């Protein structure tokens, strides 16, 4: 785990997505499929680069039990 610099990107978080089953009639009626993905990120200097340790530190900071 490393911090990204401004403008850098990382590899894809997933390569697969499951969508609700629809009938052929419903599928034919679709003009466009728009998928909105929202993500949140938190950056803290000096936090561990070991994922489980970083998560535990974030839970402590955020008072998550």
C-alpha atoms as a PDB file:
ATOM      1  CA  UNK A   1       0.000   0.000   0.000  1.00  0.00           C
ATOM      2  CA  UNK A   2       1.467   3.328  -1.064  1.00  0.00           C
ATOM      3  CA  UNK A   3       0.163   6.857  -1.313  1.00  0.00           C
ATOM      4  CA  UNK A   4      -0.656   8.143  -4.783  1.00  0.00           C
ATOM      5  CA  UNK A   5       0.736  11.433  -5.922  1.00  0.00           C
ATOM      6  CA  UNK A   6      -1.525  14.059  -7.437  1.00  0.00           C
ATOM      7  CA  UNK A   7      -2.625  12.930 -10.910  1.00  0.00           C
ATOM      8  CA  UNK A   8      -1.564   9.305 -10.388  1.00  0.00           C
ATOM      9  CA  UNK A   9      -3.976   6.404 -10.662  1.00  0.00           C
ATOM     10  CA  UNK A  10      -4.056   2.831  -9.486  1.00  0.00           C
ATOM     11  CA  UNK A  11      -5.119  -0.435 -11.040  1.00  0.00           C
ATOM     12  CA  UNK A  12      -8.811  -1.281 -11.254  1.00  0.00           C
ATOM     13  CA  UNK A  13     -10.479  -2.153  -7.971  1.00  0.00           C
ATOM     14  CA  UNK A  14     -12.690  -4.706  -9.699  1.00  0.00           C
ATOM     15  CA  UNK A  15     -12.997  -6.431 -13.054  1.00  0.00           C
ATOM     16  CA  UNK A  16     -16.553  -7.635 -12.647  1.00  0.00           C
ATOM     17  CA  UNK A  17     -19.956  -6.273 -11.743  1.00  0.00           C
ATOM     18  CA  UNK A  18     -23.276  -8.016 -11.165  1.00  0.00           C
ATOM     19  CA  UNK A  19     -26.460  -6.297 -12.223  1.00  0.00           C
ATOM     20  CA  UNK A  20     -30.083  -7.048 -11.448  1.00  0.00           C
ATOM     21  CA  UNK A  21     -31.629  -9.592 -13.805  1.00  0.00           C
ATOM     22  CA  UNK A  22     -34.030  -8.103 -16.315  1.00  0.00           C
ATOM     23  CA  UNK A  23     -36.310  -9.623 -18.907  1.00  0.00           C
ATOM     24  CA  UNK A  24     -35.596  -9.418 -22.633  1.00  0.00           C
ATOM     25  CA  UNK A  25     -38.466  -6.934 -22.974  1.00  0.00           C
ATOM     26  CA  UNK A  26     -36.934  -4.708 -20.298  1.00  0.00           C
ATOM     27  CA  UNK A  27     -33.518  -4.988 -21.948  1.00  0.00           C
ATOM     28  CA  UNK A  28     -34.909  -3.985 -25.362  1.00  0.00           C
ATOM     29  CA  UNK A  29     -36.498  -0.876 -23.797  1.00  0.00           C
ATOM     30  CA  UNK A  30     -33.140   0.411 -22.497  1.00  0.00           C
ATOM     31  CA  UNK A  31     -31.515   3.129 -24.590  1.00  0.00           C
ATOM     32  CA  UNK A  32     -28.448   3.713 -22.413  1.00  0.00           C
ATOM     33  CA  UNK A  33     -27.102   2.192 -19.249  1.00  0.00           C
ATOM     34  CA  UNK A  34     -25.575   4.791 -16.965  1.00  0.00           C
ATOM     35  CA  UNK A  35     -23.621   3.590 -13.988  1.00  0.00           C
ATOM     36  CA  UNK A  36     -22.676   6.123 -11.355  1.00  0.00           C
ATOM     37  CA  UNK A  37     -19.876   5.062  -9.054  1.00  0.00           C
ATOM     38  CA  UNK A  38     -19.140   7.147  -6.001  1.00  0.00           C
ATOM     39  CA  UNK A  39     -16.067   6.653  -3.906  1.00  0.00           C
ATOM     40  CA  UNK A  40     -14.558   8.186  -0.859  1.00  0.00           C
ATOM     41  CA  UNK A  41     -10.938   8.368   0.167  1.00  0.00           C
ATOM     42  CA  UNK A  42      -9.141   9.496   3.256  1.00  0.00           C
ATOM     43  CA  UNK A  43      -5.542  10.539   3.447  1.00  0.00           C
ATOM     44  CA  UNK A  44      -3.502  10.739   6.612  1.00  0.00           C
ATOM     45  CA  UNK A  45       0.215  11.376   6.742  1.00  0.00           C
ATOM     46  CA  UNK A  46       2.301   9.059   8.854  1.00  0.00           C
ATOM     47  CA  UNK A  47      -0.164   6.180   8.847  1.00  0.00           C
ATOM     48  CA  UNK A  48       1.015   2.593   8.465  1.00  0.00           C
ATOM     49  CA  UNK A  49       1.451   1.230   4.943  1.00  0.00           C
ATOM     50  CA  UNK A  50       0.394  -2.236   6.132  1.00  0.00           C
ATOM     51  CA  UNK A  51      -3.305  -2.454   5.141  1.00  0.00           C
ATOM     52  CA  UNK A  52      -4.646  -4.072   8.331  1.00  0.00           C
ATOM     53  CA  UNK A  53      -2.664  -1.689  10.533  1.00  0.00           C
ATOM     54  CA  UNK A  54      -3.828   1.312   8.487  1.00  0.00           C
ATOM     55  CA  UNK A  55      -7.440   0.125   8.770  1.00  0.00           C
ATOM     56  CA  UNK A  56      -7.111  -0.308  12.535  1.00  0.00           C
ATOM     57  CA  UNK A  57      -5.595   3.167  12.871  1.00  0.00           C
ATOM     58  CA  UNK A  58      -8.437   4.654  10.798  1.00  0.00           C
ATOM     59  CA  UNK A  59     -11.017   2.838  12.917  1.00  0.00           C
ATOM     60  CA  UNK A  60      -9.431   4.304  16.033  1.00  0.00           C
ATOM     61  CA  UNK A  61      -9.337   7.811  14.564  1.00  0.00           C
ATOM     62  CA  UNK A  62     -12.943   7.530  13.342  1.00  0.00           C
ATOM     63  CA  UNK A  63     -14.156   5.867  16.549  1.00  0.00           C
ATOM     64  CA  UNK A  64     -15.431   2.890  14.535  1.00  0.00           C
ATOM     65  CA  UNK A  65     -16.062  -0.263  16.572  1.00  0.00           C
END
